[in-house]
Amino acid sequence: MGTQFLTDEKGNKTAVLLPIKKYNKMIEQLEDLHDIKLYDEAKRDDDGTSISIDEAFKIIEEKRKAVK
């Protein structure tokens, strides 16, 4: 089964009906594209003050130990 269209009384396409596997794949690809967009925005807006994830975890662990 391929993509099907729902039409109004004049034959104008008003909606799309597609298999769930095709829909899920499309959503997954859109989410991937969104992640790429966010990454590109973060790189563009980087002012040089960012730190690595490893450094961030190190700081968090040091703060946790200091609280205990």
N, C-alpha and C. Protein backbone atom coordinates (compact mmCIF):
# COMPACT_ATOMS: atom_id res chain seq x y z
N MET A 1 0.84 -1.17 0.00
CA MET A 1 0.00 0.00 0.00
C MET A 1 0.89 1.24 0.00
N GLY A 2 0.65 2.11 -0.94
CA GLY A 2 1.39 3.35 -1.01
C GLY A 2 0.60 4.46 -0.35
N THR A 3 1.04 5.65 -0.57
CA THR A 3 0.37 6.82 -0.02
C THR A 3 -0.97 7.02 -0.71
N GLN A 4 -1.99 7.32 0.08
CA GLN A 4 -3.32 7.60 -0.46
C GLN A 4 -3.72 9.01 -0.04
N PHE A 5 -4.57 9.62 -0.85
CA PHE A 5 -5.04 10.96 -0.56
C PHE A 5 -6.54 10.97 -0.32
N LEU A 6 -6.97 11.77 0.62
CA LEU A 6 -8.39 12.00 0.83
C LEU A 6 -8.73 13.29 0.09
N THR A 7 -9.87 13.29 -0.54
CA THR A 7 -10.24 14.46 -1.33
C THR A 7 -11.61 14.99 -0.91
N ASP A 8 -11.83 16.25 -1.21
CA ASP A 8 -13.14 16.83 -0.95
C ASP A 8 -14.06 16.55 -2.12
N GLU A 9 -15.26 17.10 -2.06
CA GLU A 9 -16.25 16.83 -3.11
C GLU A 9 -15.84 17.34 -4.48
N LYS A 10 -14.86 18.26 -4.53
CA LYS A 10 -14.38 18.79 -5.81
C LYS A 10 -13.14 18.07 -6.31
N GLY A 11 -12.69 17.10 -5.55
CA GLY A 11 -11.50 16.33 -5.94
C GLY A 11 -10.19 16.93 -5.48
N ASN A 12 -10.26 17.98 -4.67
CA ASN A 12 -9.04 18.58 -4.13
C ASN A 12 -8.49 17.73 -2.99
N LYS A 13 -7.19 17.48 -3.01
CA LYS A 13 -6.55 16.70 -1.96
C LYS A 13 -6.62 17.48 -0.66
N THR A 14 -7.11 16.83 0.41
CA THR A 14 -7.26 17.51 1.70
C THR A 14 -6.48 16.82 2.82
N ALA A 15 -6.09 15.59 2.62
CA ALA A 15 -5.36 14.85 3.66
C ALA A 15 -4.59 13.70 3.02
N VAL A 16 -3.68 13.13 3.80
CA VAL A 16 -2.85 12.03 3.31
C VAL A 16 -3.01 10.85 4.25
N LEU A 17 -3.09 9.67 3.67
CA LEU A 17 -3.15 8.42 4.43
C LEU A 17 -1.95 7.61 3.99
N LEU A 18 -1.10 7.24 4.95
CA LEU A 18 0.08 6.46 4.61
C LEU A 18 0.31 5.38 5.65
N PRO A 19 1.03 4.33 5.26
CA PRO A 19 1.30 3.23 6.19
C PRO A 19 2.06 3.72 7.42
N ILE A 20 1.80 3.11 8.56
CA ILE A 20 2.41 3.53 9.81
C ILE A 20 3.93 3.42 9.76
N LYS A 21 4.47 2.41 9.10
CA LYS A 21 5.92 2.29 8.98
C LYS A 21 6.51 3.48 8.24
N LYS A 22 5.84 3.88 7.19
CA LYS A 22 6.30 5.04 6.41
C LYS A 22 6.18 6.31 7.25
N TYR A 23 5.10 6.45 7.99
CA TYR A 23 4.91 7.60 8.87
C TYR A 23 5.99 7.65 9.95
N ASN A 24 6.24 6.52 10.62
CA ASN A 24 7.25 6.47 11.67
C ASN A 24 8.64 6.81 11.14
N LYS A 25 8.97 6.31 9.95
CA LYS A 25 10.27 6.61 9.33
C LYS A 25 10.37 8.11 9.04
N MET A 26 9.29 8.71 8.55
CA MET A 26 9.27 10.13 8.25
C MET A 26 9.48 10.95 9.53
N ILE A 27 8.81 10.57 10.61
CA ILE A 27 8.96 11.28 11.88
C ILE A 27 10.39 11.15 12.39
N GLU A 28 10.97 9.96 12.30
CA GLU A 28 12.34 9.75 12.73
C GLU A 28 13.31 10.65 11.94
N GLN A 29 13.10 10.74 10.64
CA GLN A 29 13.96 11.58 9.81
C GLN A 29 13.78 13.06 10.16
N LEU A 30 12.57 13.48 10.43
CA LEU A 30 12.34 14.87 10.83
C LEU A 30 13.02 15.19 12.16
N GLU A 31 12.98 14.25 13.10
CA GLU A 31 13.65 14.45 14.38
C GLU A 31 15.16 14.55 14.19
N ASP A 32 15.70 13.72 13.29
CA ASP A 32 17.14 13.78 13.00
C ASP A 32 17.50 15.14 12.41
N LEU A 33 16.68 15.62 11.48
CA LEU A 33 16.93 16.93 10.89
C LEU A 33 16.85 18.05 11.92
N HIS A 34 15.90 17.91 12.85
CA HIS A 34 15.77 18.91 13.91
C HIS A 34 17.02 18.92 14.79
N ASP A 35 17.53 17.74 15.12
CA ASP A 35 18.75 17.64 15.92
C ASP A 35 19.93 18.29 15.21
N ILE A 36 20.03 18.07 13.91
CA ILE A 36 21.11 18.67 13.12
C ILE A 36 20.97 20.19 13.12
N LYS A 37 19.75 20.68 12.99
CA LYS A 37 19.51 22.12 13.01
C LYS A 37 19.94 22.71 14.36
N LEU A 38 19.57 22.06 15.46
CA LEU A 38 19.96 22.54 16.78
C LEU A 38 21.47 22.54 16.95
N TYR A 39 22.12 21.50 16.46
CA TYR A 39 23.58 21.42 16.53
C TYR A 39 24.22 22.56 15.75
N ASP A 40 23.73 22.79 14.53
CA ASP A 40 24.26 23.87 13.71
C ASP A 40 24.07 25.23 14.38
N GLU A 41 22.91 25.44 14.99
CA GLU A 41 22.65 26.69 15.69
C GLU A 41 23.59 26.86 16.89
N ALA A 42 23.81 25.78 17.62
CA ALA A 42 24.70 25.84 18.78
C ALA A 42 26.12 26.17 18.34
N LYS A 43 26.58 25.56 17.26
CA LYS A 43 27.93 25.84 16.76
C LYS A 43 28.04 27.29 16.29
N ARG A 44 27.00 27.78 15.63
CA ARG A 44 27.00 29.15 15.11
C ARG A 44 27.03 30.15 16.26
N ASP A 45 26.31 29.85 17.34
CA ASP A 45 26.20 30.76 18.47
C ASP A 45 27.30 30.57 19.51
N ASP A 46 28.23 29.65 19.26
CA ASP A 46 29.30 29.37 20.22
C ASP A 46 30.19 30.61 20.38
N ASP A 47 30.30 31.07 21.61
CA ASP A 47 31.13 32.24 21.88
C ASP A 47 32.49 31.86 22.45
N GLY A 48 32.81 30.58 22.42
CA GLY A 48 34.11 30.13 22.88
C GLY A 48 34.16 29.82 24.37
N THR A 49 33.07 29.99 25.07
CA THR A 49 33.08 29.74 26.51
C THR A 49 32.54 28.35 26.87
N SER A 50 32.26 27.54 25.89
CA SER A 50 31.74 26.21 26.18
C SER A 50 32.85 25.29 26.69
N ILE A 51 32.44 24.23 27.37
CA ILE A 51 33.37 23.23 27.87
C ILE A 51 32.92 21.87 27.38
N SER A 52 33.82 20.91 27.42
CA SER A 52 33.48 19.56 26.97
C SER A 52 32.53 18.90 27.96
N ILE A 53 31.84 17.89 27.52
CA ILE A 53 30.93 17.15 28.39
C ILE A 53 31.70 16.48 29.52
N ASP A 54 32.90 16.00 29.22
CA ASP A 54 33.72 15.37 30.27
C ASP A 54 34.07 16.38 31.36
N GLU A 55 34.41 17.58 30.96
CA GLU A 55 34.73 18.63 31.94
C GLU A 55 33.49 18.99 32.75
N ALA A 56 32.33 19.06 32.09
CA ALA A 56 31.09 19.37 32.80
C ALA A 56 30.79 18.31 33.86
N PHE A 57 30.94 17.04 33.50
CA PHE A 57 30.69 15.96 34.47
C PHE A 57 31.69 16.03 35.63
N LYS A 58 32.93 16.37 35.33
CA LYS A 58 33.95 16.49 36.37
C LYS A 58 33.54 17.58 37.37
N ILE A 59 33.11 18.72 36.87
CA ILE A 59 32.68 19.83 37.73
C ILE A 59 31.48 19.42 38.58
N ILE A 60 30.52 18.74 37.96
CA ILE A 60 29.32 18.29 38.68
C ILE A 60 29.70 17.33 39.80
N GLU A 61 30.57 16.37 39.49
CA GLU A 61 30.98 15.41 40.51
C GLU A 61 31.72 16.10 41.66
N GLU A 62 32.57 17.05 41.33
CA GLU A 62 33.29 17.78 42.39
C GLU A 62 32.32 18.53 43.29
N LYS A 63 31.29 19.12 42.70
CA LYS A 63 30.29 19.84 43.50
C LYS A 63 29.48 18.88 44.36
N ARG A 64 29.16 17.70 43.83
CA ARG A 64 28.43 16.70 44.62
C ARG A 64 29.24 16.25 45.83
N LYS A 65 30.53 16.03 45.62
CA LYS A 65 31.39 15.60 46.71
C LYS A 65 31.52 16.69 47.76
N ALA A 66 31.55 17.94 47.34
CA ALA A 66 31.70 19.06 48.27
C ALA A 66 30.47 19.22 49.14
N VAL A 67 29.30 18.84 48.65
CA VAL A 67 28.04 18.97 49.40
C VAL A 67 27.95 17.92 50.49
N LYS A 68 28.52 16.75 50.27
CA LYS A 68 28.43 15.63 51.24
C LYS A 68 29.27 15.84 52.45
